[in-house]
C-alpha atoms as a PDB file:
ATOM      1  CA  THR A   1     -87.737 108.280  44.185  1.00  0.00           C
ATOM      2  CA  PHE A   2     -86.476 110.118  47.264  1.00  0.00           C
ATOM      3  CA  GLN A   3     -83.101 108.153  46.766  1.00  0.00           C
ATOM      4  CA  THR A   4     -82.787 109.137  43.247  1.00  0.00           C
ATOM      5  CA  ASN A   5     -83.262 112.544  43.936  1.00  0.00           C
ATOM      6  CA  VAL A   6     -80.837 112.758  46.457  1.00  0.00           C
ATOM      7  CA  LEU A   7     -78.246 111.267  44.452  1.00  0.00           C
ATOM      8  CA  THR A   8     -79.108 113.612  41.399  1.00  0.00           C
ATOM      9  CA  GLU A   9     -78.801 116.724  43.942  1.00  0.00           C
ATOM     10  CA  LEU A  10     -75.465 115.817  45.163  1.00  0.00           C
ATOM     11  CA  ARG A  11     -74.045 115.229  41.462  1.00  0.00           C
ATOM     12  CA  LYS A  12     -75.143 118.334  40.707  1.00  0.00           C
ATOM     13  CA  TRP A  13     -73.671 120.002  43.827  1.00  0.00           C
ATOM     14  CA  LYS A  14     -70.540 118.507  43.288  1.00  0.00           C
ATOM     15  CA  LEU A  15     -70.213 119.263  39.423  1.00  0.00           C
ATOM     16  CA  SER A  16     -71.248 122.617  40.660  1.00  0.00           C
ATOM     17  CA  LEU A  17     -68.325 123.006  43.246  1.00  0.00           C
ATOM     18  CA  ILE A  18     -65.796 121.405  40.836  1.00  0.00           C
ATOM     19  CA  GLU A  19     -67.007 124.019  38.201  1.00  0.00           C
ATOM     20  CA  HIS A  20     -66.502 126.981  40.605  1.00  0.00           C
ATOM     21  CA  HIS A  21     -63.052 125.985  41.714  1.00  0.00           C
ATOM     22  CA  LYS A  22     -61.841 125.513  38.270  1.00  0.00           C
ATOM     23  CA  LEU A  23     -63.299 129.054  37.269  1.00  0.00           C
ATOM     24  CA  GLN A  24     -61.255 130.694  40.179  1.00  0.00           C
ATOM     25  CA  MET A  25     -58.090 128.661  39.454  1.00  0.00           C
ATOM     26  CA  LYS A  26     -58.570 129.731  35.658  1.00  0.00           C
ATOM     27  CA  GLN A  27     -59.250 133.443  37.244  1.00  0.00           C
ATOM     28  CA  GLU A  28     -56.267 133.497  39.099  1.00  0.00           C
ATOM     29  CA  LYS A  29     -53.907 131.884  36.291  1.00  0.00           C
ATOM     30  CA  GLU A  30     -55.058 134.641  34.029  1.00  0.00           C
ATOM     31  CA  LYS A  31     -54.680 137.382  36.691  1.00  0.00           C
ATOM     32  CA  HIS A  32     -50.933 135.988  37.262  1.00  0.00           C
ATOM     33  CA  ALA A  33     -50.547 135.904  33.785  1.00  0.00           C
ATOM     34  CA  ALA A  34     -51.517 139.645  33.010  1.00  0.00           C
ATOM     35  CA  HIS A  35     -49.351 140.576  35.983  1.00  0.00           C
ATOM     36  CA  VAL A  36     -46.303 139.176  34.540  1.00  0.00           C
ATOM     37  CA  ARG A  37     -46.921 140.867  31.607  1.00  0.00           C
ATOM     38  CA  GLN A  38     -47.358 144.148  32.823  1.00  0.00           C
ATOM     39  CA  LEU A  39     -44.158 143.361  35.084  1.00  0.00           C
ATOM     40  CA  SER A  40     -42.447 142.489  31.667  1.00  0.00           C
ATOM     41  CA  ASN A  41     -43.546 145.990  30.141  1.00  0.00           C
ATOM     42  CA  GLU A  42     -42.149 147.585  32.920  1.00  0.00           C
ATOM     43  CA  MET A  43     -38.965 146.211  32.849  1.00  0.00           C
ATOM     44  CA  GLU A  44     -38.750 147.038  29.290  1.00  0.00           C
ATOM     45  CA  ASN A  45     -39.646 150.580  29.827  1.00  0.00           C
ATOM     46  CA  LEU A  46     -36.653 150.670  32.696  1.00  0.00           C
ATOM     47  CA  LYS A  47     -34.108 149.122  30.218  1.00  0.00           C
ATOM     48  CA  GLU A  48     -35.102 151.795  27.673  1.00  0.00           C
ATOM     49  CA  LEU A  49     -35.011 154.532  30.224  1.00  0.00           C
ATOM     50  CA  LEU A  50     -31.770 153.233  31.529  1.00  0.00           C
ATOM     51  CA  HIS A  51     -30.319 152.856  27.594  1.00  0.00           C
ATOM     52  CA  SER A  52     -31.542 156.582  27.290  1.00  0.00           C
ATOM     53  CA  TYR A  53     -29.642 157.632  30.407  1.00  0.00           C
ATOM     54  CA  GLU A  54     -26.682 155.831  29.205  1.00  0.00           C
ATOM     55  CA  ILE A  55     -26.706 157.447  25.678  1.00  0.00           C
ATOM     56  CA  SER A  56     -27.241 160.852  27.471  1.00  0.00           C
ATOM     57  CA  ILE A  57     -24.607 160.632  29.928  1.00  0.00           C
ATOM     58  CA  GLY A  58     -22.430 159.300  26.842  1.00  0.00           C
ATOM     59  CA  ARG A  59     -23.023 162.713  25.282  1.00  0.00           C
ATOM     60  CA  LYS A  60     -22.387 164.616  28.322  1.00  0.00           C
ATOM     61  CA  ASP A  61     -19.301 162.738  28.820  1.00  0.00           C
ATOM     62  CA  GLU A  62     -18.343 163.475  25.412  1.00  0.00           C
ATOM     63  CA  VAL A  63     -19.299 167.114  25.465  1.00  0.00           C
ATOM     64  CA  MET A  64     -17.440 167.417  28.750  1.00  0.00           C
ATOM     65  CA  ILE A  65     -14.416 166.045  27.573  1.00  0.00           C
ATOM     66  CA  THR A  66     -14.328 168.001  24.574  1.00  0.00           C
ATOM     67  CA  ASN A  67     -14.452 171.452  26.753  1.00  0.00           C
ATOM     68  CA  LEU A  68     -11.960 170.256  29.032  1.00  0.00           C
ATOM     69  CA  THR A  69      -9.661 169.480  26.478  1.00  0.00           C
ATOM     70  CA  GLN A  70     -10.370 172.693  24.562  1.00  0.00           C
ATOM     71  CA  ALA A  71      -9.764 174.519  28.489  1.00  0.00           C
ATOM     72  CA  LEU A  72      -6.548 172.542  28.770  1.00  0.00           C
ATOM     73  CA  GLU A  73      -5.098 173.258  25.603  1.00  0.00           C
ATOM     74  CA  LYS A  74      -6.042 177.229  26.026  1.00  0.00           C
ATOM     75  CA  GLU A  75      -4.551 176.983  29.777  1.00  0.00           C
ATOM     76  CA  LYS A  76      -1.196 175.359  28.178  1.00  0.00           C
ATOM     77  CA  GLU A  77      -1.118 177.978  25.526  1.00  0.00           C
ATOM     78  CA  ARG A  78      -2.015 180.766  28.468  1.00  0.00           C
ATOM     79  CA  VAL A  79       0.703 178.872  30.710  1.00  0.00           C
ATOM     80  CA  GLU A  80       3.473 178.966  27.941  1.00  0.00           C
ATOM     81  CA  LEU A  81       2.663 182.510  26.884  1.00  0.00           C
ATOM     82  CA  MET A  82       2.926 183.528  30.698  1.00  0.00           C
ATOM     83  CA  ARG A  83       6.031 181.302  30.901  1.00  0.00           C
ATOM     84  CA  LYS A  84       7.846 183.070  28.033  1.00  0.00           C
ATOM     85  CA  PHE A  85       6.862 186.573  29.641  1.00  0.00           C
ATOM     86  CA  THR A  86       8.159 185.488  32.920  1.00  0.00           C
ATOM     87  CA  LEU A  87      11.578 184.424  31.153  1.00  0.00           C
ATOM     88  CA  TRP A  88      11.500 187.769  29.332  1.00  0.00           C
ATOM     89  CA  ARG A  89      10.990 189.459  32.776  1.00  0.00           C
ATOM     90  CA  ILE A  90      13.615 187.272  34.492  1.00  0.00           C
ATOM     91  CA  GLN A  91      16.401 188.610  32.155  1.00  0.00           C
ATOM     92  CA  HIS A  92      15.554 192.019  33.309  1.00  0.00           C
ATOM     93  CA  VAL A  93      14.898 191.859  36.942  1.00  0.00           C
ATOM     94  CA  ARG A  94      16.933 190.994  40.145  1.00  0.00           C
ATOM     95  CA  THR A  95      17.717 187.575  41.370  1.00  0.00           C
ATOM     96  CA  LYS A  96      14.797 187.899  44.275  1.00  0.00           C
ATOM     97  CA  GLN A  97      12.148 188.704  41.343  1.00  0.00           C
ATOM     98  CA  GLU A  98      13.717 185.929  39.290  1.00  0.00           C
ATOM     99  CA  GLU A  99      12.684 183.343  42.083  1.00  0.00           C
ATOM    100  CA  TYR A 100       9.320 184.606  42.430  1.00  0.00           C
ATOM    101  CA  ALA A 101       8.438 184.411  38.837  1.00  0.00           C
ATOM    102  CA  ASN A 102       9.288 180.966  38.986  1.00  0.00           C
ATOM    103  CA  ARG A 103       7.122 179.976  42.057  1.00  0.00           C
ATOM    104  CA  ILE A 104       4.045 182.029  40.137  1.00  0.00           C
ATOM    105  CA  ALA A 105       4.735 179.727  37.124  1.00  0.00           C
ATOM    106  CA  ASP A 106       4.924 176.513  39.046  1.00  0.00           C
ATOM    107  CA  ARG A 107       1.647 177.089  40.908  1.00  0.00           C
ATOM    108  CA  GLN A 108       0.359 177.666  37.709  1.00  0.00           C
ATOM    109  CA  PHE A 109       1.617 174.611  36.067  1.00  0.00           C
ATOM    110  CA  ARG A 110       0.326 172.401  39.277  1.00  0.00           C
ATOM    111  CA  THR A 111      -3.376 174.345  39.029  1.00  0.00           C
ATOM    112  CA  ALA A 112      -3.561 172.950  35.426  1.00  0.00           C
ATOM    113  CA  LEU A 113      -2.569 169.419  36.594  1.00  0.00           C
ATOM    114  CA  LEU A 114      -5.132 169.539  39.150  1.00  0.00           C
ATOM    115  CA  LYS A 115      -7.836 170.574  36.719  1.00  0.00           C
ATOM    116  CA  LYS A 116      -6.647 167.367  34.387  1.00  0.00           C
ATOM    117  CA  VAL A 117      -6.748 165.277  37.693  1.00  0.00           C
ATOM    118  CA  TRP A 118     -10.299 166.327  38.691  1.00  0.00           C
ATOM    119  CA  ALA A 119     -11.764 166.017  35.381  1.00  0.00           C
ATOM    120  CA  ALA A 120     -10.540 162.449  35.120  1.00  0.00           C
ATOM    121  CA  TRP A 121     -11.805 161.739  38.655  1.00  0.00           C
ATOM    122  CA  ARG A 122     -14.896 163.049  37.492  1.00  0.00           C
ATOM    123  CA  SER A 123     -15.376 161.059  34.420  1.00  0.00           C
ATOM    124  CA  HIS A 124     -14.473 157.688  36.568  1.00  0.00           C
ATOM    125  CA  SER A 125     -17.402 158.812  39.322  1.00  0.00           C
ATOM    126  CA  GLU A 126     -20.110 159.065  36.598  1.00  0.00           C
ATOM    127  CA  GLU A 127     -18.910 155.718  34.946  1.00  0.00           C
ATOM    128  CA  LYS A 128     -19.112 154.062  38.753  1.00  0.00           C
ATOM    129  CA  TRP A 129     -22.842 156.019  39.230  1.00  0.00           C
ATOM    130  CA  LYS A 130     -24.209 154.348  36.029  1.00  0.00           C
ATOM    131  CA  GLU A 131     -23.022 150.969  36.818  1.00  0.00           C
ATOM    132  CA  LYS A 132     -24.890 151.165  40.344  1.00  0.00           C
ATOM    133  CA  VAL A 133     -27.995 152.365  38.904  1.00  0.00           C
ATOM    134  CA  ALA A 134     -28.258 149.581  36.261  1.00  0.00           C
ATOM    135  CA  LYS A 135     -27.566 147.161  38.989  1.00  0.00           C
ATOM    136  CA  ALA A 136     -29.879 148.536  41.462  1.00  0.00           C
ATOM    137  CA  CYS A 137     -32.913 148.461  38.707  1.00  0.00           C
ATOM    138  CA  GLN A 138     -31.960 145.050  37.896  1.00  0.00           C
ATOM    139  CA  LEU A 139     -32.154 143.977  41.837  1.00  0.00           C
ATOM    140  CA  ARG A 140     -35.719 145.773  42.204  1.00  0.00           C
ATOM    141  CA  ALA A 141     -36.928 143.911  39.390  1.00  0.00           C
ATOM    142  CA  GLU A 142     -35.798 140.442  40.534  1.00  0.00           C
ATOM    143  CA  ASP A 143     -37.251 141.054  44.072  1.00  0.00           C
ATOM    144  CA  VAL A 144     -40.706 142.080  42.461  1.00  0.00           C
ATOM    145  CA  CYS A 145     -40.838 138.818  40.672  1.00  0.00           C
ATOM    146  CA  VAL A 146     -39.657 136.268  43.591  1.00  0.00           C
ATOM    147  CA  GLN A 147     -42.650 138.424  45.773  1.00  0.00           C
ATOM    148  CA  LEU A 148     -45.056 137.864  42.976  1.00  0.00           C
ATOM    149  CA  THR A 149     -44.263 134.128  42.713  1.00  0.00           C
ATOM    150  CA  ASN A 150     -44.513 133.617  46.617  1.00  0.00           C
ATOM    151  CA  ASP A 151     -48.039 135.233  46.818  1.00  0.00           C
ATOM    152  CA  TYR A 152     -49.125 133.455  43.917  1.00  0.00           C
ATOM    153  CA  GLU A 153     -47.987 130.224  45.265  1.00  0.00           C
ATOM    154  CA  VAL A 154     -50.018 130.906  48.571  1.00  0.00           C
ATOM    155  CA  LYS A 155     -52.888 131.776  46.902  1.00  0.00           C
ATOM    156  CA  ILE A 156     -52.836 128.193  44.586  1.00  0.00           C
ATOM    157  CA  ALA A 157     -51.852 126.423  48.002  1.00  0.00           C
ATOM    158  CA  GLU A 158     -55.243 127.930  49.673  1.00  0.00           C
ATOM    159  CA  LEU A 159     -57.078 126.873  46.833  1.00  0.00           C
ATOM    160  CA  THR A 160     -55.944 123.701  46.676  1.00  0.00           C
ATOM    161  CA  ALA A 161     -56.656 123.399  50.447  1.00  0.00           C
ATOM    162  CA  THR A 162     -60.550 124.509  49.689  1.00  0.00           C
ATOM    163  CA  LEU A 163     -60.798 121.651  47.201  1.00  0.00           C
ATOM    164  CA  GLU A 164     -59.527 119.490  49.575  1.00  0.00           C
ATOM    165  CA  GLN A 165     -61.943 120.082  52.307  1.00  0.00           C
ATOM    166  CA  ALA A 166     -64.851 119.915  49.130  1.00  0.00           C
ATOM    167  CA  LYS A 167     -63.653 116.387  48.279  1.00  0.00           C
ATOM    168  CA  ALA A 168     -63.775 115.612  51.903  1.00  0.00           C
ATOM    169  CA  GLU A 169     -67.329 116.753  52.455  1.00  0.00           C
ATOM    170  CA  VAL A 170     -68.710 114.824  49.315  1.00  0.00           C
ATOM    171  CA  LEU A 171     -67.028 111.835  50.558  1.00  0.00           C
ATOM    172  CA  ARG A 172     -68.570 112.171  53.919  1.00  0.00           C
ATOM    173  CA  LEU A 173     -72.036 112.623  52.182  1.00  0.00           C
ATOM    174  CA  HIS A 174     -71.518 109.683  50.199  1.00  0.00           C
ATOM    175  CA  SER A 175     -70.754 107.913  53.815  1.00  0.00           C
ATOM    176  CA  GLU A 176     -74.056 109.397  55.141  1.00  0.00           C
ATOM    177  CA  ARG A 177     -76.134 108.443  52.303  1.00  0.00           C
ATOM    178  CA  GLU A 178     -74.814 104.406  52.359  1.00  0.00           C
ATOM    179  CA  GLN A 179     -75.817 104.684  56.159  1.00  0.00           C
ATOM    180  CA  TYR A 180     -79.258 106.302  55.152  1.00  0.00           C
ATOM    181  CA  GLU A 181     -79.805 103.463  52.939  1.00  0.00           C
ATOM    182  CA  ASP A 182     -78.629 100.673  55.266  1.00  0.00           C
ATOM    183  CA  THR A 183     -80.848 102.030  57.974  1.00  0.00           C
ATOM    184  CA  MET A 184     -83.411 102.004  55.702  1.00  0.00           C
ATOM    185  CA  LYS A 185     -83.235  98.276  54.357  1.00  0.00           C
ATOM    186  CA  LYS A 186     -83.009  97.098  57.708  1.00  0.00           C
ATOM    187  CA  ALA A 187     -86.034  99.239  58.743  1.00  0.00           C
ATOM    188  CA  PHE A 188     -87.812  97.271  55.624  1.00  0.00           C
ATOM    189  CA  MET A 189     -86.389  94.184  56.597  1.00  0.00           C
ATOM    190  CA  ARG A 190     -87.729  94.503  60.330  1.00  0.00           C
ATOM    191  CA  GLY A 191     -91.120  95.756  58.762  1.00  0.00           C
ATOM    192  CA  VAL A 192     -91.589  92.580  56.623  1.00  0.00           C
ATOM    193  CA  CYS A 193     -90.559  90.229  59.297  1.00  0.00           C
ATOM    194  CA  ALA A 194     -93.303  91.818  61.522  1.00  0.00           C
ATOM    195  CA  LEU A 195     -95.728  91.332  58.949  1.00  0.00           C
ATOM    196  CA  ASN A 196     -94.924  87.516  58.619  1.00  0.00           C
ATOM    197  CA  LEU A 197     -95.039  87.143  62.294  1.00  0.00           C
ATOM    198  CA  GLU A 198     -98.422  88.680  62.401  1.00  0.00           C
ATOM    199  CA  ALA A 199     -99.609  86.441  59.703  1.00  0.00           C
ATOM    200  CA  MET A 200     -98.439  83.351  61.207  1.00  0.00           C
ATOM    201  CA  THR A 201    -100.014  84.394  64.454  1.00  0.00           C
ATOM    202  CA  MET A 202    -103.350  84.973  62.500  1.00  0.00           C
ATOM    203  CA  PHE A 203    -103.164  81.548  60.563  1.00  0.00           C
ATOM    204  CA  GLN A 204    -102.301  79.524  63.764  1.00  0.00           C
ATOM    205  CA  GLY A 205    -105.191  81.335  65.791  1.00  0.00           C
ATOM    206  CA  LYS A 206    -107.614  80.168  63.163  1.00  0.00           C
END
């Protein structure tokens, strides 16, 4: 009948709509999971790159410290030789020449100390730089994860709102169907009453 066909079509439409939204939710979840896996892989790659940088910087630090240590040792030896040479000259020159030679020895000693202080400062600066890079990478990864979470929450909220609208539309169609059935019943009853009245009139006339 027409009523049965309408109900069947409504059921089919309802099931099709629900399946369509389920499929959309499933696809969005799969996309989200794939994106999260991609971000995890990128974070692992960043960690490996940071580890490689730390190893490289550590090796550079070791080489630099070794070179600076050798240079300082050579400088100390050179300063010591020059000091002995200066002392030897001091014994053969005048008092003014002696003071001049002492000033030269002090200046060279201060230069060696400044080089040592500079090397220590540079090592400290590179250590601070490594810490800053690691912290920046971590903050960037956290910002990306928070942004992705917010985006997918908005998408889920939109899909949920669409589903609620579909449910409201189904309820409205059910209400219209009930009103249609009630109207059909009333029309049918009016037709029956009219037939009864007409039959009674005919019997009374006869």
